[in-house]
PDB file of N, CA and C in Angstrom:
ATOM      1  N   UNK A   1     -83.462  29.208  27.415  1.00  0.00           N
ATOM      2  CA  UNK A   1     -82.589  29.857  26.457  1.00  0.00           C
ATOM      3  C   UNK A   1     -81.249  29.098  26.367  1.00  0.00           C
ATOM      4  N   UNK A   2     -80.753  28.633  27.513  1.00  0.00           N
ATOM      5  CA  UNK A   2     -79.488  27.902  27.519  1.00  0.00           C
ATOM      6  C   UNK A   2     -79.601  26.601  26.708  1.00  0.00           C
ATOM      7  N   UNK A   3     -80.714  25.906  26.866  1.00  0.00           N
ATOM      8  CA  UNK A   3     -80.926  24.663  26.126  1.00  0.00           C
ATOM      9  C   UNK A   3     -81.029  24.926  24.622  1.00  0.00           C
ATOM     10  N   UNK A   4     -81.724  26.005  24.250  1.00  0.00           N
ATOM     11  CA  UNK A   4     -81.869  26.361  22.841  1.00  0.00           C
ATOM     12  C   UNK A   4     -80.506  26.669  22.222  1.00  0.00           C
ATOM     13  N   UNK A   5     -79.697  27.440  22.947  1.00  0.00           N
ATOM     14  CA  UNK A   5     -78.369  27.793  22.434  1.00  0.00           C
ATOM     15  C   UNK A   5     -77.481  26.556  22.320  1.00  0.00           C
ATOM     16  N   UNK A   6     -77.539  25.667  23.300  1.00  0.00           N
ATOM     17  CA  UNK A   6     -76.691  24.468  23.233  1.00  0.00           C
ATOM     18  C   UNK A   6     -77.128  23.540  22.112  1.00  0.00           C
ATOM     19  N   UNK A   7     -78.435  23.460  21.827  1.00  0.00           N
ATOM     20  CA  UNK A   7     -78.911  22.659  20.694  1.00  0.00           C
ATOM     21  C   UNK A   7     -78.381  23.207  19.381  1.00  0.00           C
ATOM     22  N   UNK A   8     -78.474  24.509  19.202  1.00  0.00           N
ATOM     23  CA  UNK A   8     -78.021  25.134  17.960  1.00  0.00           C
ATOM     24  C   UNK A   8     -76.514  25.014  17.791  1.00  0.00           C
ATOM     25  N   UNK A   9     -75.780  25.229  18.858  1.00  0.00           N
ATOM     26  CA  UNK A   9     -74.322  25.230  18.795  1.00  0.00           C
ATOM     27  C   UNK A   9     -73.773  23.811  18.633  1.00  0.00           C
ATOM     28  N   UNK A  10     -74.496  22.817  19.109  1.00  0.00           N
ATOM     29  CA  UNK A  10     -74.014  21.441  19.018  1.00  0.00           C
ATOM     30  C   UNK A  10     -73.921  20.958  17.570  1.00  0.00           C
ATOM     31  N   UNK A  11     -74.548  21.646  16.644  1.00  0.00           N
ATOM     32  CA  UNK A  11     -74.501  21.266  15.229  1.00  0.00           C
ATOM     33  C   UNK A  11     -73.261  21.802  14.509  1.00  0.00           C
ATOM     34  N   UNK A  12     -72.530  22.722  15.129  1.00  0.00           N
ATOM     35  CA  UNK A  12     -71.392  23.355  14.461  1.00  0.00           C
ATOM     36  C   UNK A  12     -70.220  22.409  14.172  1.00  0.00           C
ATOM     37  N   UNK A  13     -69.879  21.452  15.036  1.00  0.00           N
ATOM     38  CA  UNK A  13     -68.762  20.554  14.694  1.00  0.00           C
ATOM     39  C   UNK A  13     -69.005  19.713  13.440  1.00  0.00           C
ATOM     40  N   UNK A  14     -70.232  19.667  12.973  1.00  0.00           N
ATOM     41  CA  UNK A  14     -70.539  18.980  11.727  1.00  0.00           C
ATOM     42  C   UNK A  14     -69.864  19.646  10.521  1.00  0.00           C
ATOM     43  N   UNK A  15     -69.653  20.945  10.614  1.00  0.00           N
ATOM     44  CA  UNK A  15     -69.106  21.708   9.503  1.00  0.00           C
ATOM     45  C   UNK A  15     -67.584  21.730   9.469  1.00  0.00           C
ATOM     46  N   UNK A  16     -66.940  21.499  10.612  1.00  0.00           N
ATOM     47  CA  UNK A  16     -65.485  21.440  10.675  1.00  0.00           C
ATOM     48  C   UNK A  16     -65.116  20.533  11.836  1.00  0.00           C
ATOM     49  N   UNK A  17     -64.323  19.479  11.558  1.00  0.00           N
ATOM     50  CA  UNK A  17     -64.097  18.440  12.564  1.00  0.00           C
ATOM     51  C   UNK A  17     -63.139  18.841  13.686  1.00  0.00           C
ATOM     52  N   UNK A  18     -62.336  19.847  13.516  1.00  0.00           N
ATOM     53  CA  UNK A  18     -61.304  20.181  14.493  1.00  0.00           C
ATOM     54  C   UNK A  18     -61.737  21.240  15.493  1.00  0.00           C
ATOM     55  N   UNK A  19     -62.991  21.221  15.888  1.00  0.00           N
ATOM     56  CA  UNK A  19     -63.515  22.168  16.866  1.00  0.00           C
ATOM     57  C   UNK A  19     -63.211  21.640  18.269  1.00  0.00           C
ATOM     58  N   UNK A  20     -62.600  22.488  19.106  1.00  0.00           N
ATOM     59  CA  UNK A  20     -62.234  22.076  20.458  1.00  0.00           C
ATOM     60  C   UNK A  20     -63.131  22.670  21.526  1.00  0.00           C
ATOM     61  N   UNK A  21     -63.704  23.805  21.278  1.00  0.00           N
ATOM     62  CA  UNK A  21     -64.546  24.424  22.287  1.00  0.00           C
ATOM     63  C   UNK A  21     -65.436  25.495  21.697  1.00  0.00           C
ATOM     64  N   UNK A  22     -66.599  25.669  22.303  1.00  0.00           N
ATOM     65  CA  UNK A  22     -67.557  26.667  21.842  1.00  0.00           C
ATOM     66  C   UNK A  22     -68.051  27.445  23.066  1.00  0.00           C
ATOM     67  N   UNK A  23     -67.957  28.758  22.986  1.00  0.00           N
ATOM     68  CA  UNK A  23     -68.442  29.629  24.051  1.00  0.00           C
ATOM     69  C   UNK A  23     -69.570  30.490  23.510  1.00  0.00           C
ATOM     70  N   UNK A  24     -70.644  30.605  24.284  1.00  0.00           N
ATOM     71  CA  UNK A  24     -71.780  31.451  23.918  1.00  0.00           C
ATOM     72  C   UNK A  24     -71.883  32.547  24.977  1.00  0.00           C
ATOM     73  N   UNK A  25     -71.844  33.797  24.517  1.00  0.00           N
ATOM     74  CA  UNK A  25     -71.923  34.944  25.411  1.00  0.00           C
ATOM     75  C   UNK A  25     -73.149  35.768  25.023  1.00  0.00           C
ATOM     76  N   UNK A  26     -74.033  35.988  25.989  1.00  0.00           N
ATOM     77  CA  UNK A  26     -75.240  36.782  25.763  1.00  0.00           C
ATOM     78  C   UNK A  26     -75.157  38.023  26.643  1.00  0.00           C
ATOM     79  N   UNK A  27     -75.215  39.174  25.999  1.00  0.00           N
ATOM     80  CA  UNK A  27     -75.179  40.447  26.716  1.00  0.00           C
ATOM     81  C   UNK A  27     -76.512  41.144  26.481  1.00  0.00           C
ATOM     82  N   UNK A  28     -77.147  41.532  27.563  1.00  0.00           N
ATOM     83  CA  UNK A  28     -78.471  42.126  27.461  1.00  0.00           C
ATOM     84  C   UNK A  28     -78.421  43.589  27.885  1.00  0.00           C
ATOM     85  N   UNK A  29     -78.950  44.470  27.040  1.00  0.00           N
ATOM     86  CA  UNK A  29     -79.088  45.881  27.379  1.00  0.00           C
ATOM     87  C   UNK A  29     -80.579  46.182  27.547  1.00  0.00           C
ATOM     88  N   UNK A  30     -80.912  47.443  27.721  1.00  0.00           N
ATOM     89  CA  UNK A  30     -82.318  47.809  27.911  1.00  0.00           C
ATOM     90  C   UNK A  30     -83.193  47.449  26.717  1.00  0.00           C
ATOM     91  N   UNK A  31     -82.689  47.693  25.534  1.00  0.00           N
ATOM     92  CA  UNK A  31     -83.524  47.537  24.337  1.00  0.00           C
ATOM     93  C   UNK A  31     -83.154  46.361  23.443  1.00  0.00           C
ATOM     94  N   UNK A  32     -81.976  45.813  23.606  1.00  0.00           N
ATOM     95  CA  UNK A  32     -81.576  44.757  22.676  1.00  0.00           C
ATOM     96  C   UNK A  32     -80.716  43.711  23.377  1.00  0.00           C
ATOM     97  N   UNK A  33     -80.454  42.663  22.637  1.00  0.00           N
ATOM     98  CA  UNK A  33     -79.598  41.583  23.095  1.00  0.00           C
ATOM     99  C   UNK A  33     -78.425  41.475  22.132  1.00  0.00           C
ATOM    100  N   UNK A  34     -77.297  41.080  22.652  1.00  0.00           N
ATOM    101  CA  UNK A  34     -76.118  40.866  21.810  1.00  0.00           C
ATOM    102  C   UNK A  34     -75.596  39.460  22.109  1.00  0.00           C
ATOM    103  N   UNK A  35     -75.515  38.648  21.066  1.00  0.00           N
ATOM    104  CA  UNK A  35     -75.045  37.271  21.202  1.00  0.00           C
ATOM    105  C   UNK A  35     -73.730  37.144  20.464  1.00  0.00           C
ATOM    106  N   UNK A  36     -72.744  36.600  21.152  1.00  0.00           N
ATOM    107  CA  UNK A  36     -71.436  36.365  20.558  1.00  0.00           C
ATOM    108  C   UNK A  36     -71.084  34.898  20.800  1.00  0.00           C
ATOM    109  N   UNK A  37     -70.778  34.181  19.714  1.00  0.00           N
ATOM    110  CA  UNK A  37     -70.395  32.776  19.806  1.00  0.00           C
ATOM    111  C   UNK A  37     -68.963  32.663  19.316  1.00  0.00           C
ATOM    112  N   UNK A  38     -68.124  32.046  20.135  1.00  0.00           N
ATOM    113  CA  UNK A  38     -66.712  31.881  19.813  1.00  0.00           C
ATOM    114  C   UNK A  38     -66.429  30.393  19.667  1.00  0.00           C
ATOM    115  N   UNK A  39     -65.919  30.007  18.495  1.00  0.00           N
ATOM    116  CA  UNK A  39     -65.579  28.610  18.226  1.00  0.00           C
ATOM    117  C   UNK A  39     -64.066  28.489  18.167  1.00  0.00           C
ATOM    118  N   UNK A  40     -63.513  27.658  19.035  1.00  0.00           N
ATOM    119  CA  UNK A  40     -62.074  27.435  19.072  1.00  0.00           C
ATOM    120  C   UNK A  40     -61.763  26.181  18.272  1.00  0.00           C
ATOM    121  N   UNK A  41     -60.871  26.329  17.297  1.00  0.00           N
ATOM    122  CA  UNK A  41     -60.512  25.218  16.423  1.00  0.00           C
ATOM    123  C   UNK A  41     -59.009  24.969  16.491  1.00  0.00           C
ATOM    124  N   UNK A  42     -58.634  23.770  16.126  1.00  0.00           N
ATOM    125  CA  UNK A  42     -57.237  23.363  16.137  1.00  0.00           C
ATOM    126  C   UNK A  42     -56.471  24.097  15.042  1.00  0.00           C
ATOM    127  N   UNK A  43     -55.326  24.677  15.392  1.00  0.00           N
ATOM    128  CA  UNK A  43     -54.414  25.345  14.464  1.00  0.00           C
ATOM    129  C   UNK A  43     -55.054  26.509  13.699  1.00  0.00           C
ATOM    130  N   UNK A  44     -55.951  27.214  14.338  1.00  0.00           N
ATOM    131  CA  UNK A  44     -56.590  28.360  13.693  1.00  0.00           C
ATOM    132  C   UNK A  44     -57.032  29.347  14.767  1.00  0.00           C
ATOM    133  N   UNK A  45     -57.101  30.611  14.391  1.00  0.00           N
ATOM    134  CA  UNK A  45     -57.651  31.615  15.294  1.00  0.00           C
ATOM    135  C   UNK A  45     -59.126  31.297  15.537  1.00  0.00           C
ATOM    136  N   UNK A  46     -59.671  31.773  16.627  1.00  0.00           N
ATOM    137  CA  UNK A  46     -61.083  31.472  16.904  1.00  0.00           C
ATOM    138  C   UNK A  46     -62.012  32.090  15.855  1.00  0.00           C
ATOM    139  N   UNK A  47     -63.066  31.372  15.552  1.00  0.00           N
ATOM    140  CA  UNK A  47     -64.118  31.872  14.681  1.00  0.00           C
ATOM    141  C   UNK A  47     -65.132  32.578  15.573  1.00  0.00           C
ATOM    142  N   UNK A  48     -65.568  33.769  15.150  1.00  0.00           N
ATOM    143  CA  UNK A  48     -66.459  34.571  15.987  1.00  0.00           C
ATOM    144  C   UNK A  48     -67.684  34.993  15.176  1.00  0.00           C
ATOM    145  N   UNK A  49     -68.855  34.744  15.737  1.00  0.00           N
ATOM    146  CA  UNK A  49     -70.113  35.198  15.157  1.00  0.00           C
ATOM    147  C   UNK A  49     -70.811  36.089  16.161  1.00  0.00           C
ATOM    148  N   UNK A  50     -71.109  37.317  15.765  1.00  0.00           N
ATOM    149  CA  UNK A  50     -71.683  38.291  16.698  1.00  0.00           C
ATOM    150  C   UNK A  50     -72.892  38.961  16.044  1.00  0.00           C
ATOM    151  N   UNK A  51     -74.038  38.917  16.753  1.00  0.00           N
ATOM    152  CA  UNK A  51     -75.278  39.495  16.230  1.00  0.00           C
ATOM    153  C   UNK A  51     -75.985  40.204  17.377  1.00  0.00           C
ATOM    154  N   UNK A  52     -76.591  41.346  17.072  1.00  0.00           N
ATOM    155  CA  UNK A  52     -77.391  42.041  18.082  1.00  0.00           C
ATOM    156  C   UNK A  52     -78.763  42.339  17.507  1.00  0.00           C
ATOM    157  N   UNK A  53     -79.757  42.347  18.377  1.00  0.00           N
ATOM    158  CA  UNK A  53     -81.126  42.608  17.961  1.00  0.00           C
ATOM    159  C   UNK A  53     -82.076  42.504  19.132  1.00  0.00           C
ATOM    160  N   UNK A  54     -83.363  42.723  18.888  1.00  0.00           N
ATOM    161  CA  UNK A  54     -84.333  42.717  19.983  1.00  0.00           C
ATOM    162  C   UNK A  54     -84.700  41.327  20.500  1.00  0.00           C
ATOM    163  N   UNK A  55     -84.579  40.292  19.664  1.00  0.00           N
ATOM    164  CA  UNK A  55     -84.967  38.931  20.051  1.00  0.00           C
ATOM    165  C   UNK A  55     -83.716  38.079  20.233  1.00  0.00           C
ATOM    166  N   UNK A  56     -83.539  37.503  21.415  1.00  0.00           N
ATOM    167  CA  UNK A  56     -82.330  36.746  21.711  1.00  0.00           C
ATOM    168  C   UNK A  56     -82.271  35.454  20.893  1.00  0.00           C
ATOM    169  N   UNK A  57     -83.409  34.833  20.629  1.00  0.00           N
ATOM    170  CA  UNK A  57     -83.417  33.595  19.855  1.00  0.00           C
ATOM    171  C   UNK A  57     -83.039  33.846  18.396  1.00  0.00           C
ATOM    172  N   UNK A  58     -83.497  34.953  17.848  1.00  0.00           N
ATOM    173  CA  UNK A  58     -83.111  35.321  16.486  1.00  0.00           C
ATOM    174  C   UNK A  58     -81.622  35.655  16.420  1.00  0.00           C
ATOM    175  N   UNK A  59     -81.097  36.247  17.464  1.00  0.00           N
ATOM    176  CA  UNK A  59     -79.665  36.563  17.514  1.00  0.00           C
ATOM    177  C   UNK A  59     -78.829  35.287  17.567  1.00  0.00           C
ATOM    178  N   UNK A  60     -79.282  34.304  18.327  1.00  0.00           N
ATOM    179  CA  UNK A  60     -78.571  33.023  18.382  1.00  0.00           C
ATOM    180  C   UNK A  60     -78.574  32.372  17.010  1.00  0.00           C
ATOM    181  N   UNK A  61     -79.732  32.368  16.342  1.00  0.00           N
ATOM    182  CA  UNK A  61     -79.819  31.788  15.002  1.00  0.00           C
ATOM    183  C   UNK A  61     -78.901  32.510  14.023  1.00  0.00           C
ATOM    184  N   UNK A  62     -78.865  33.832  14.091  1.00  0.00           N
ATOM    185  CA  UNK A  62     -78.021  34.606  13.191  1.00  0.00           C
ATOM    186  C   UNK A  62     -76.543  34.343  13.422  1.00  0.00           C
ATOM    187  N   UNK A  63     -76.137  34.253  14.683  1.00  0.00           N
ATOM    188  CA  UNK A  63     -74.733  33.985  14.983  1.00  0.00           C
ATOM    189  C   UNK A  63     -74.334  32.582  14.538  1.00  0.00           C
ATOM    190  N   UNK A  64     -75.219  31.611  14.724  1.00  0.00           N
ATOM    191  CA  UNK A  64     -74.929  30.240  14.280  1.00  0.00           C
ATOM    192  C   UNK A  64     -74.838  30.198  12.758  1.00  0.00           C
ATOM    193  N   UNK A  65     -75.697  30.922  12.060  1.00  0.00           N
ATOM    194  CA  UNK A  65     -75.630  30.976  10.592  1.00  0.00           C
ATOM    195  C   UNK A  65     -74.298  31.558  10.123  1.00  0.00           C
ATOM    196  N   UNK A  66     -73.846  32.612  10.782  1.00  0.00           N
ATOM    197  CA  UNK A  66     -72.559  33.207  10.421  1.00  0.00           C
ATOM    198  C   UNK A  66     -71.418  32.223  10.626  1.00  0.00           C
ATOM    199  N   UNK A  67     -71.467  31.503  11.726  1.00  0.00           N
ATOM    200  CA  UNK A  67     -70.400  30.548  12.007  1.00  0.00           C
ATOM    201  C   UNK A  67     -70.444  29.350  11.072  1.00  0.00           C
ATOM    202  N   UNK A  68     -71.633  28.909  10.677  1.00  0.00           N
ATOM    203  CA  UNK A  68     -71.732  27.830   9.700  1.00  0.00           C
ATOM    204  C   UNK A  68     -71.035  28.227   8.402  1.00  0.00           C
ATOM    205  N   UNK A  69     -71.282  29.453   7.965  1.00  0.00           N
ATOM    206  CA  UNK A  69     -70.658  29.939   6.737  1.00  0.00           C
ATOM    207  C   UNK A  69     -69.143  30.021   6.890  1.00  0.00           C
ATOM    208  N   UNK A  70     -68.675  30.558   8.012  1.00  0.00           N
ATOM    209  CA  UNK A  70     -67.234  30.685   8.231  1.00  0.00           C
ATOM    210  C   UNK A  70     -66.559  29.312   8.269  1.00  0.00           C
ATOM    211  N   UNK A  71     -67.177  28.363   8.953  1.00  0.00           N
ATOM    212  CA  UNK A  71     -66.569  27.039   9.076  1.00  0.00           C
ATOM    213  C   UNK A  71     -66.566  26.288   7.746  1.00  0.00           C
ATOM    214  N   UNK A  72     -67.638  26.387   6.976  1.00  0.00           N
ATOM    215  CA  UNK A  72     -67.650  25.695   5.683  1.00  0.00           C
ATOM    216  C   UNK A  72     -66.665  26.340   4.710  1.00  0.00           C
ATOM    217  N   UNK A  73     -66.560  27.666   4.726  1.00  0.00           N
ATOM    218  CA  UNK A  73     -65.582  28.332   3.861  1.00  0.00           C
ATOM    219  C   UNK A  73     -64.158  27.934   4.243  1.00  0.00           C
ATOM    220  N   UNK A  74     -63.886  27.873   5.523  1.00  0.00           N
ATOM    221  CA  UNK A  74     -62.549  27.476   5.966  1.00  0.00           C
ATOM    222  C   UNK A  74     -62.251  26.026   5.601  1.00  0.00           C
ATOM    223  N   UNK A  75     -63.241  25.171   5.744  1.00  0.00           N
ATOM    224  CA  UNK A  75     -63.042  23.757   5.429  1.00  0.00           C
ATOM    225  C   UNK A  75     -62.768  23.558   3.942  1.00  0.00           C
ATOM    226  N   UNK A  76     -63.486  24.284   3.071  1.00  0.00           N
ATOM    227  CA  UNK A  76     -63.238  24.140   1.642  1.00  0.00           C
ATOM    228  C   UNK A  76     -61.864  24.696   1.267  1.00  0.00           C
ATOM    229  N   UNK A  77     -61.457  25.804   1.878  1.00  0.00           N
ATOM    230  CA  UNK A  77     -60.110  26.329   1.616  1.00  0.00           C
ATOM    231  C   UNK A  77     -59.041  25.384   2.137  1.00  0.00           C
ATOM    232  N   UNK A  78     -59.282  24.786   3.290  1.00  0.00           N
ATOM    233  CA  UNK A  78     -58.327  23.870   3.897  1.00  0.00           C
ATOM    234  C   UNK A  78     -58.173  22.609   3.052  1.00  0.00           C
ATOM    235  N   UNK A  79     -59.257  22.078   2.535  1.00  0.00           N
ATOM    236  CA  UNK A  79     -59.194  20.855   1.731  1.00  0.00           C
ATOM    237  C   UNK A  79     -58.652  21.098   0.330  1.00  0.00           C
ATOM    238  N   UNK A  80     -58.919  22.262  -0.233  1.00  0.00           N
ATOM    239  CA  UNK A  80     -58.539  22.543  -1.627  1.00  0.00           C
ATOM    240  C   UNK A  80     -57.255  23.323  -1.739  1.00  0.00           C
ATOM    241  N   UNK A  81     -56.474  23.433  -0.697  1.00  0.00           N
ATOM    242  CA  UNK A  81     -55.282  24.271  -0.756  1.00  0.00           C
ATOM    243  C   UNK A  81     -54.200  23.697  -1.657  1.00  0.00           C
ATOM    244  N   UNK A  82     -54.183  22.398  -1.869  1.00  0.00           N
ATOM    245  CA  UNK A  82     -53.168  21.784  -2.720  1.00  0.00           C
ATOM    246  C   UNK A  82     -53.679  21.477  -4.118  1.00  0.00           C
ATOM    247  N   UNK A  83     -54.965  21.706  -4.346  1.00  0.00           N
ATOM    248  CA  UNK A  83     -55.561  21.390  -5.640  1.00  0.00           C
ATOM    249  C   UNK A  83     -55.934  22.655  -6.385  1.00  0.00           C
ATOM    250  N   UNK A  84     -54.983  23.512  -6.635  1.00  0.00           N
ATOM    251  CA  UNK A  84     -55.272  24.738  -7.375  1.00  0.00           C
ATOM    252  C   UNK A  84     -55.297  24.453  -8.861  1.00  0.00           C
ATOM    253  N   UNK A  85     -56.053  25.220  -9.575  1.00  0.00           N
ATOM    254  CA  UNK A  85     -56.202  24.996 -11.010  1.00  0.00           C
ATOM    255  C   UNK A  85     -55.054  25.597 -11.787  1.00  0.00           C
TER     256      UNK A  85
END
C-alpha cells in the first residue's frame, strides 16, 4: 500500500512546480478507510485532498484526483493573474 501511494503521489509535482512536501495519512476504522493527502507548496496554504470509503486504494486514487484538480486550478490562476480580459 505504501508503494502504491508513493507512486500515485509522485506524479503530483507535475501539476505545480513549487511543491515542497507531500504527506499521506491513512486512518482505518472498522468499516472504512480515510485517506488524507497534504501537499505543501511554496507561498501557499497546503492543498488537502481527503476521501473516505471501504477500499483504501480507491480512496488514494480519489484523493490524488482531487489534488490534481486543485493544483491545476491554482496553476492556471497563478499564471493568468496578470492577463485579465
